[in-house]
N, C-alpha and C. Protein backbone atom coordinates (compact mmCIF):
# COMPACT_ATOMS: atom_id res chain seq x y z
N UNK A 1 -14.82 30.01 -47.87
CA UNK A 1 -15.12 28.85 -47.10
C UNK A 1 -15.33 29.24 -45.64
N UNK A 2 -16.36 28.75 -45.03
CA UNK A 2 -16.64 29.11 -43.65
C UNK A 2 -15.93 28.16 -42.70
N UNK A 3 -15.43 28.72 -41.62
CA UNK A 3 -14.74 27.90 -40.62
C UNK A 3 -15.75 27.43 -39.59
N UNK A 4 -15.69 26.16 -39.23
CA UNK A 4 -16.59 25.60 -38.24
C UNK A 4 -15.79 25.24 -37.00
N UNK A 5 -16.46 25.40 -35.86
CA UNK A 5 -15.82 25.01 -34.61
C UNK A 5 -15.97 23.51 -34.41
N UNK A 6 -14.90 22.88 -34.08
CA UNK A 6 -14.94 21.43 -33.83
C UNK A 6 -15.11 21.19 -32.34
N UNK A 7 -16.03 20.34 -31.98
CA UNK A 7 -16.28 19.98 -30.58
C UNK A 7 -15.90 18.53 -30.37
N UNK A 8 -15.45 18.23 -29.18
CA UNK A 8 -15.10 16.85 -28.85
C UNK A 8 -16.38 16.02 -28.77
N UNK A 9 -16.42 14.98 -29.53
CA UNK A 9 -17.61 14.12 -29.54
C UNK A 9 -17.54 13.11 -28.40
N UNK A 10 -16.38 12.51 -28.22
CA UNK A 10 -16.21 11.50 -27.18
C UNK A 10 -15.63 12.16 -25.93
N UNK A 11 -16.47 12.49 -25.01
CA UNK A 11 -16.01 13.08 -23.75
C UNK A 11 -15.56 11.95 -22.82
N UNK A 12 -14.45 12.17 -22.13
CA UNK A 12 -13.95 11.18 -21.19
C UNK A 12 -14.49 11.52 -19.81
N UNK A 13 -15.19 10.58 -19.21
CA UNK A 13 -15.71 10.83 -17.88
C UNK A 13 -14.79 10.21 -16.83
N UNK A 14 -15.10 10.43 -15.58
CA UNK A 14 -14.26 9.99 -14.48
C UNK A 14 -14.12 8.47 -14.45
N UNK A 15 -15.18 7.76 -14.75
CA UNK A 15 -15.13 6.29 -14.74
C UNK A 15 -14.15 5.77 -15.78
N UNK A 16 -14.10 6.38 -16.96
CA UNK A 16 -13.15 5.96 -18.00
C UNK A 16 -11.72 6.21 -17.56
N UNK A 17 -11.48 7.35 -16.95
CA UNK A 17 -10.13 7.68 -16.47
C UNK A 17 -9.70 6.70 -15.39
N UNK A 18 -10.60 6.42 -14.44
CA UNK A 18 -10.29 5.48 -13.37
C UNK A 18 -10.02 4.09 -13.92
N UNK A 19 -10.79 3.66 -14.89
CA UNK A 19 -10.57 2.35 -15.51
C UNK A 19 -9.20 2.28 -16.18
N UNK A 20 -8.81 3.33 -16.86
CA UNK A 20 -7.50 3.36 -17.52
C UNK A 20 -6.36 3.34 -16.51
N UNK A 21 -6.51 4.11 -15.44
CA UNK A 21 -5.46 4.16 -14.42
C UNK A 21 -5.31 2.81 -13.75
N UNK A 22 -6.43 2.16 -13.38
CA UNK A 22 -6.34 0.87 -12.72
C UNK A 22 -5.83 -0.21 -13.67
N UNK A 23 -6.15 -0.10 -14.94
CA UNK A 23 -5.70 -1.09 -15.92
C UNK A 23 -4.20 -0.96 -16.19
N UNK A 24 -3.72 0.23 -16.39
CA UNK A 24 -2.32 0.46 -16.73
C UNK A 24 -1.45 0.66 -15.49
N UNK A 25 -2.00 1.32 -14.48
CA UNK A 25 -1.24 1.64 -13.28
C UNK A 25 -0.61 3.02 -13.40
N UNK A 26 -0.36 3.62 -12.27
CA UNK A 26 0.27 4.93 -12.23
C UNK A 26 1.20 4.97 -11.02
N UNK A 27 2.34 5.59 -11.19
CA UNK A 27 3.32 5.73 -10.10
C UNK A 27 3.50 7.20 -9.83
N UNK A 28 3.39 7.56 -8.57
CA UNK A 28 3.62 8.95 -8.14
C UNK A 28 4.80 8.91 -7.17
N UNK A 29 5.82 9.66 -7.46
CA UNK A 29 7.01 9.68 -6.62
C UNK A 29 7.41 11.12 -6.34
N UNK A 30 7.87 11.34 -5.13
CA UNK A 30 8.32 12.68 -4.79
C UNK A 30 9.13 12.67 -3.51
N UNK A 31 9.93 13.67 -3.34
CA UNK A 31 10.75 13.83 -2.13
C UNK A 31 10.48 15.20 -1.53
N UNK A 32 10.38 15.22 -0.22
CA UNK A 32 10.22 16.48 0.51
C UNK A 32 11.41 16.58 1.46
N UNK A 33 12.13 17.67 1.38
CA UNK A 33 13.31 17.84 2.22
C UNK A 33 13.25 19.21 2.88
N UNK A 34 13.43 19.21 4.19
CA UNK A 34 13.46 20.47 4.95
C UNK A 34 14.88 20.66 5.47
N UNK A 35 15.47 21.79 5.10
CA UNK A 35 16.84 22.10 5.50
C UNK A 35 16.92 23.50 6.10
N UNK A 36 17.82 23.63 7.02
CA UNK A 36 18.17 24.96 7.55
C UNK A 36 19.69 25.03 7.55
N UNK A 37 20.23 26.01 6.85
CA UNK A 37 21.69 26.22 6.76
C UNK A 37 22.40 24.94 6.33
N UNK A 38 21.92 24.32 5.27
CA UNK A 38 22.49 23.09 4.72
C UNK A 38 22.54 21.92 5.70
N UNK A 39 21.64 21.93 6.68
CA UNK A 39 21.51 20.81 7.60
C UNK A 39 20.14 20.19 7.37
N UNK A 40 20.14 18.91 7.00
CA UNK A 40 18.88 18.22 6.77
C UNK A 40 18.15 18.00 8.09
N UNK A 41 16.95 18.54 8.19
CA UNK A 41 16.13 18.33 9.38
C UNK A 41 15.12 17.21 9.17
N UNK A 42 14.59 17.14 7.96
CA UNK A 42 13.56 16.14 7.68
C UNK A 42 13.59 15.80 6.19
N UNK A 43 13.56 14.52 5.90
CA UNK A 43 13.45 14.05 4.52
C UNK A 43 12.35 13.03 4.44
N UNK A 44 11.41 13.25 3.55
CA UNK A 44 10.30 12.31 3.35
C UNK A 44 10.32 11.87 1.90
N UNK A 45 10.37 10.58 1.68
CA UNK A 45 10.33 10.02 0.33
C UNK A 45 8.96 9.37 0.14
N UNK A 46 8.26 9.81 -0.86
CA UNK A 46 6.91 9.31 -1.13
C UNK A 46 6.93 8.50 -2.41
N UNK A 47 6.48 7.27 -2.34
CA UNK A 47 6.33 6.41 -3.51
C UNK A 47 4.93 5.81 -3.44
N UNK A 48 4.12 6.09 -4.42
CA UNK A 48 2.73 5.65 -4.42
C UNK A 48 2.42 4.96 -5.75
N UNK A 49 1.90 3.74 -5.66
CA UNK A 49 1.50 2.99 -6.85
C UNK A 49 0.00 2.79 -6.78
N UNK A 50 -0.69 3.20 -7.83
CA UNK A 50 -2.14 3.03 -7.91
C UNK A 50 -2.42 2.13 -9.10
N UNK A 51 -3.03 0.97 -8.83
CA UNK A 51 -3.37 0.04 -9.91
C UNK A 51 -4.38 -0.97 -9.39
N UNK A 52 -4.87 -1.81 -10.28
CA UNK A 52 -5.82 -2.84 -9.88
C UNK A 52 -5.06 -3.99 -9.21
N UNK A 53 -5.79 -4.86 -8.54
CA UNK A 53 -5.18 -6.01 -7.89
C UNK A 53 -4.53 -6.92 -8.93
N UNK A 54 -5.19 -7.12 -10.05
CA UNK A 54 -4.62 -7.95 -11.10
C UNK A 54 -3.30 -7.40 -11.61
N UNK A 55 -3.25 -6.09 -11.83
CA UNK A 55 -2.02 -5.45 -12.31
C UNK A 55 -0.93 -5.53 -11.24
N UNK A 56 -1.31 -5.36 -9.97
CA UNK A 56 -0.34 -5.44 -8.88
C UNK A 56 0.28 -6.84 -8.82
N UNK A 57 -0.56 -7.86 -8.94
CA UNK A 57 -0.05 -9.23 -8.90
C UNK A 57 0.84 -9.52 -10.11
N UNK A 58 0.50 -8.93 -11.24
CA UNK A 58 1.32 -9.06 -12.45
C UNK A 58 2.70 -8.45 -12.23
N UNK A 59 2.77 -7.36 -11.45
CA UNK A 59 4.03 -6.69 -11.16
C UNK A 59 4.78 -7.34 -9.99
N UNK A 60 4.16 -8.33 -9.34
CA UNK A 60 4.81 -9.02 -8.23
C UNK A 60 4.50 -8.42 -6.88
N UNK A 61 3.50 -7.55 -6.80
CA UNK A 61 3.12 -6.94 -5.53
C UNK A 61 1.93 -7.74 -4.98
N UNK A 62 2.13 -8.41 -3.84
CA UNK A 62 1.04 -9.18 -3.24
C UNK A 62 1.13 -9.22 -1.72
N UNK A 63 1.55 -8.15 -1.10
CA UNK A 63 1.76 -8.10 0.34
C UNK A 63 0.50 -8.40 1.13
N UNK A 64 -0.67 -8.14 0.60
CA UNK A 64 -1.91 -8.36 1.33
C UNK A 64 -2.20 -9.85 1.52
N UNK A 65 -1.58 -10.71 0.72
CA UNK A 65 -1.80 -12.14 0.87
C UNK A 65 -1.04 -12.72 2.05
N UNK A 66 0.06 -12.07 2.45
CA UNK A 66 0.84 -12.54 3.59
C UNK A 66 0.46 -11.83 4.89
N UNK A 67 -0.37 -10.82 4.83
CA UNK A 67 -0.78 -10.07 6.02
C UNK A 67 -1.93 -10.81 6.70
N UNK A 68 -1.69 -11.32 7.91
CA UNK A 68 -2.70 -12.13 8.60
C UNK A 68 -3.95 -11.34 8.97
N UNK A 69 -3.86 -10.04 9.01
CA UNK A 69 -5.03 -9.22 9.32
C UNK A 69 -5.92 -9.01 8.09
N UNK A 70 -5.37 -9.21 6.91
CA UNK A 70 -6.13 -9.01 5.68
C UNK A 70 -6.49 -10.31 4.98
N UNK A 71 -5.81 -11.40 5.30
CA UNK A 71 -6.04 -12.67 4.61
C UNK A 71 -6.17 -13.80 5.63
N UNK A 72 -7.22 -14.59 5.50
CA UNK A 72 -7.41 -15.74 6.39
C UNK A 72 -6.42 -16.85 6.06
N UNK A 73 -5.88 -16.86 4.86
CA UNK A 73 -4.94 -17.90 4.44
C UNK A 73 -3.52 -17.64 4.92
N UNK A 74 -3.23 -16.41 5.34
CA UNK A 74 -1.87 -16.07 5.76
C UNK A 74 -1.55 -16.73 7.09
N UNK A 75 -0.30 -17.17 7.23
CA UNK A 75 0.13 -17.80 8.48
C UNK A 75 0.38 -16.73 9.52
N UNK A 76 -0.08 -17.02 10.73
CA UNK A 76 0.14 -16.07 11.82
C UNK A 76 1.50 -16.32 12.45
N UNK A 77 2.12 -15.24 12.90
CA UNK A 77 3.40 -15.36 13.59
C UNK A 77 3.15 -15.87 15.00
N UNK A 78 4.20 -16.26 15.67
CA UNK A 78 4.07 -16.79 17.03
C UNK A 78 3.40 -15.81 17.97
N UNK A 79 3.76 -14.55 17.89
CA UNK A 79 3.17 -13.53 18.76
C UNK A 79 1.70 -13.33 18.45
N UNK A 80 1.33 -13.35 17.18
CA UNK A 80 -0.08 -13.20 16.81
C UNK A 80 -0.89 -14.38 17.31
N UNK A 81 -0.34 -15.60 17.20
CA UNK A 81 -1.04 -16.78 17.71
C UNK A 81 -1.25 -16.67 19.21
N UNK A 82 -0.20 -16.22 19.90
CA UNK A 82 -0.27 -16.10 21.36
C UNK A 82 -1.31 -15.07 21.78
N UNK A 83 -1.38 -13.96 21.04
CA UNK A 83 -2.32 -12.91 21.39
C UNK A 83 -3.76 -13.25 21.04
N UNK A 84 -3.99 -14.13 20.08
CA UNK A 84 -5.35 -14.44 19.66
C UNK A 84 -5.86 -15.76 20.19
N UNK A 85 -5.02 -16.53 20.89
CA UNK A 85 -5.46 -17.82 21.43
C UNK A 85 -6.47 -17.57 22.54
N UNK A 86 -7.66 -18.20 22.47
CA UNK A 86 -8.70 -17.95 23.48
C UNK A 86 -8.33 -18.59 24.82
N UNK A 87 -8.41 -17.79 25.87
CA UNK A 87 -8.21 -18.28 27.23
C UNK A 87 -6.79 -18.65 27.59
N UNK A 88 -5.85 -18.44 26.72
CA UNK A 88 -4.46 -18.81 27.01
C UNK A 88 -3.67 -17.57 27.39
N UNK A 89 -3.08 -17.61 28.58
CA UNK A 89 -2.27 -16.49 29.02
C UNK A 89 -0.80 -16.86 28.85
N UNK A 90 -0.05 -15.91 28.37
CA UNK A 90 1.37 -16.18 28.19
C UNK A 90 2.09 -16.06 29.53
N UNK A 91 3.18 -16.80 29.63
CA UNK A 91 3.97 -16.75 30.85
C UNK A 91 4.64 -15.38 30.96
N UNK A 92 4.80 -14.96 32.17
CA UNK A 92 5.44 -13.67 32.39
C UNK A 92 6.90 -13.74 31.95
N UNK A 93 7.46 -12.65 31.47
CA UNK A 93 8.86 -12.66 31.01
C UNK A 93 9.83 -13.11 32.09
N UNK A 94 9.53 -12.78 33.36
CA UNK A 94 10.43 -13.18 34.44
C UNK A 94 10.48 -14.70 34.57
N UNK A 95 9.33 -15.35 34.41
CA UNK A 95 9.28 -16.80 34.51
C UNK A 95 10.04 -17.45 33.37
N UNK A 96 9.95 -16.86 32.19
CA UNK A 96 10.68 -17.41 31.05
C UNK A 96 12.18 -17.29 31.25
N UNK A 97 12.64 -16.19 31.85
CA UNK A 97 14.07 -15.98 32.09
C UNK A 97 14.58 -16.98 33.15
N UNK A 98 13.78 -17.26 34.20
CA UNK A 98 14.20 -18.21 35.23
C UNK A 98 14.29 -19.62 34.69
N UNK A 99 13.41 -19.93 33.73
CA UNK A 99 13.40 -21.28 33.16
C UNK A 99 14.66 -21.53 32.35
N UNK A 100 15.26 -20.51 31.80
CA UNK A 100 16.48 -20.67 31.01
C UNK A 100 17.63 -20.89 31.93
């Protein structure tokens, strides 16, 4: 009997991989620690979640909806309103302290 080489018929391309990752989501976590003589000089904790917006909302992640720079529906804080109000200058801190 002769042996035949089997080849993959269904090749996975980059678009398929990206679609799977965004559909299911992927978490990348890692820690970087720099020490000298058992003294911690620097610790960096990295947590990265890659997924689609739908998947993120399903997981309860929706920070972009409350960010006033990314969403027109988000409420602006007092400082943001003060900084973006046209033609309105805020009182100097000294004047505010005297008024109290």
